[in-house]
Amino acid sequence: MNFDGINEKTLVLVKPDAIQRGLIGEIIGRFERKGLKMIGIKMMSLDDDLLKNHYSHLADKPFFPSLSKFMKSSPVVAMCYEGLEVVNAVRLLCGITKSREAEAGSIRGDLAMSVSCNVVHASDSVENAKKEVERFFKPEELHDYRKSDYEHVYAEDEK
């Protein structure tokens, strides 16, 4: 079977609040049950330069210093997932940013109540996902492998 078309990538960060609450496995499990292919994972501490780059669209906001402090309060788990329309699929799994209004069944809807402490970050577009994956992962940290269950995740015309 040809799975060449299933190569869109996205970034997910398990944020400090989720790390402290012991939710790493629960969050990863949600993506695994969906059938997504993880091609990279690492735990890391974030520094000021990476945060200013990653949140450049928020760097001039009054709340940026507290956001930065929060994101440096504990390590994060960075993950890269690959799949057909994976950016949108991950966003739907995560739920909206304001967690207390996120749909029940979504990660944020089930596991969080806050806007900032919303347990995960997920790329918001294909263009941003490409930049974010490159920001958090070196090419050699991403793995190209055949995911055998794709035969049972995608229909023939989606491959």
Protein backbone atom coordinates (compact mmCIF):
# COMPACT_ATOMS: atom_id res chain seq x y z
CA MET A 1 0.00 0.00 0.00
CA ASN A 2 1.16 3.52 -0.71
CA PHE A 3 1.14 5.89 2.26
CA ASP A 4 3.22 8.63 0.63
CA GLY A 5 0.38 11.18 0.81
CA ILE A 6 0.07 10.87 4.59
CA ASN A 7 2.99 13.12 5.54
CA GLU A 8 1.53 16.30 7.02
CA LYS A 9 3.26 16.99 10.35
CA THR A 10 2.28 18.90 13.47
CA LEU A 11 3.73 19.83 16.83
CA VAL A 12 2.18 19.08 20.20
CA LEU A 13 3.61 20.31 23.49
CA VAL A 14 2.51 18.75 26.75
CA LYS A 15 2.70 21.88 28.90
CA PRO A 16 4.06 22.28 32.44
CA ASP A 17 0.64 22.03 34.11
CA ALA A 18 0.05 18.63 32.49
CA ILE A 19 3.55 17.47 33.43
CA GLN A 20 2.95 18.44 37.07
CA ARG A 21 -0.46 16.76 37.09
CA GLY A 22 0.85 13.48 35.66
CA LEU A 23 -1.15 13.66 32.43
CA ILE A 24 1.55 12.79 29.87
CA GLY A 25 0.31 9.22 29.34
CA GLU A 26 -3.33 10.25 29.18
CA ILE A 27 -2.58 12.88 26.55
CA ILE A 28 -0.38 10.62 24.43
CA GLY A 29 -3.02 7.91 24.69
CA ARG A 30 -5.64 10.20 23.15
CA PHE A 31 -3.47 10.68 20.04
CA GLU A 32 -2.61 6.98 19.86
CA ARG A 33 -6.26 5.92 20.07
CA LYS A 34 -7.04 8.33 17.24
CA GLY A 35 -4.56 6.40 15.09
CA LEU A 36 -1.99 9.19 14.70
CA LYS A 37 1.62 8.36 13.97
CA MET A 38 4.15 9.79 16.43
CA ILE A 39 7.45 10.42 14.66
CA GLY A 40 9.26 12.36 17.40
CA ILE A 41 9.13 12.82 21.16
CA LYS A 42 11.38 14.41 23.77
CA MET A 43 11.26 16.07 27.16
CA MET A 44 12.94 19.45 27.26
CA SER A 45 13.23 22.68 29.19
CA LEU A 46 12.40 25.85 27.29
CA ASP A 47 14.59 28.95 27.38
CA ASP A 48 13.82 32.62 26.75
CA ASP A 49 15.05 32.60 23.14
CA LEU A 50 12.92 29.61 22.16
CA LEU A 51 9.87 31.05 23.90
CA LYS A 52 10.26 34.48 22.28
CA ASN A 53 10.55 32.79 18.89
CA HIS A 54 7.68 30.37 19.48
CA TYR A 55 5.34 32.99 20.93
CA SER A 56 6.57 35.90 18.79
CA HIS A 57 2.94 36.83 18.02
CA LEU A 58 2.39 37.33 21.78
CA ALA A 59 5.78 38.74 22.82
CA ASP A 60 4.49 42.33 23.02
CA LYS A 61 1.39 41.43 25.07
CA PRO A 62 1.29 42.36 28.76
CA PHE A 63 0.77 38.72 29.76
CA PHE A 64 3.86 37.42 27.91
CA PRO A 65 6.18 37.53 30.96
CA SER A 66 3.79 35.34 32.96
CA LEU A 67 3.32 33.00 29.98
CA SER A 68 7.09 32.69 29.67
CA LYS A 69 7.49 32.06 33.40
CA PHE A 70 4.80 29.37 33.25
CA MET A 71 6.35 27.63 30.24
CA LYS A 72 9.74 27.55 32.00
CA SER A 73 8.30 26.32 35.32
CA SER A 74 8.80 22.68 34.39
CA PRO A 75 9.95 20.71 31.35
CA VAL A 76 7.55 20.11 28.47
CA VAL A 77 7.14 17.05 26.30
CA ALA A 78 7.47 17.94 22.62
CA MET A 79 5.91 15.56 20.12
CA CYS A 80 5.64 15.48 16.37
CA TYR A 81 2.75 13.63 14.77
CA GLU A 82 2.31 12.77 11.11
CA GLY A 83 -0.82 11.86 9.19
CA LEU A 84 -3.51 12.87 6.75
CA GLU A 85 -4.80 16.35 7.73
CA VAL A 86 -3.06 15.80 11.08
CA VAL A 87 -2.96 19.51 12.01
CA ASN A 88 -6.74 19.75 12.01
CA ALA A 89 -7.21 16.32 13.61
CA VAL A 90 -4.93 17.28 16.51
CA ARG A 91 -6.64 20.66 16.96
CA LEU A 92 -10.01 18.91 17.22
CA LEU A 93 -8.64 16.42 19.76
CA CYS A 94 -7.17 19.25 21.85
CA GLY A 95 -10.28 21.43 21.90
CA ILE A 96 -10.42 25.21 22.06
CA THR A 97 -7.86 27.26 23.99
CA LYS A 98 -10.28 28.40 26.70
CA SER A 99 -10.45 25.00 28.34
CA ARG A 100 -13.51 25.51 30.51
CA GLU A 101 -15.49 26.09 27.29
CA ALA A 102 -13.84 23.26 25.33
CA GLU A 103 -16.07 20.45 24.20
CA ALA A 104 -16.38 17.46 26.53
CA GLY A 105 -14.35 14.61 25.08
CA SER A 106 -11.53 16.88 23.94
CA ILE A 107 -8.24 16.90 25.86
CA ARG A 108 -8.77 20.43 27.17
CA GLY A 109 -12.49 19.87 27.72
CA ASP A 110 -11.80 16.84 29.90
CA LEU A 111 -8.54 17.79 31.60
CA ALA A 112 -8.30 21.57 32.00
CA MET A 113 -10.16 24.71 33.11
CA SER A 114 -7.83 27.56 32.12
CA VAL A 115 -6.74 29.54 29.09
CA SER A 116 -3.05 29.39 30.04
CA CYS A 117 -3.02 26.14 32.00
CA ASN A 118 -4.69 24.24 29.18
CA VAL A 119 -2.35 21.20 29.24
CA VAL A 120 -1.31 21.21 25.55
CA HIS A 121 -0.13 23.39 22.72
CA ALA A 122 -0.91 22.32 19.16
CA SER A 123 0.07 23.94 15.87
CA ASP A 124 -2.79 26.02 14.49
CA SER A 125 -2.09 25.73 10.74
CA VAL A 126 -0.09 23.66 8.29
CA GLU A 127 2.28 26.61 7.74
CA ASN A 128 2.86 27.15 11.46
CA ALA A 129 3.21 23.42 12.05
CA LYS A 130 6.12 23.26 9.61
CA LYS A 131 7.89 26.13 11.42
CA GLU A 132 7.13 24.75 14.87
CA VAL A 133 8.31 21.22 14.08
CA GLU A 134 11.58 22.66 12.74
CA ARG A 135 11.89 24.87 15.85
CA PHE A 136 11.57 21.97 18.28
CA PHE A 137 13.07 19.02 16.37
CA LYS A 138 16.26 18.46 14.41
CA PRO A 139 15.70 16.37 11.26
CA GLU A 140 17.55 13.42 12.80
CA GLU A 141 15.11 13.44 15.76
CA LEU A 142 12.16 12.61 13.48
CA HIS A 143 11.65 9.02 12.45
CA ASP A 144 10.41 7.71 9.11
CA TYR A 145 8.80 4.32 9.54
CA ARG A 146 5.86 2.34 8.25
CA LYS A 147 2.95 2.36 10.69
CA SER A 148 1.34 -1.01 10.13
CA ASP A 149 -2.08 -0.07 11.48
CA TYR A 150 -2.56 2.60 8.79
CA GLU A 151 -4.33 -0.16 6.84
CA HIS A 152 -7.03 0.06 9.52
CA VAL A 153 -6.90 3.83 10.15
CA TYR A 154 -7.30 5.20 6.61
CA ALA A 155 -9.58 4.11 3.78
CA GLU A 156 -8.01 3.03 0.51
CA ASP A 157 -8.82 6.34 -1.24
CA GLU A 158 -7.14 8.32 1.58
CA LYS A 159 -3.76 6.64 1.26
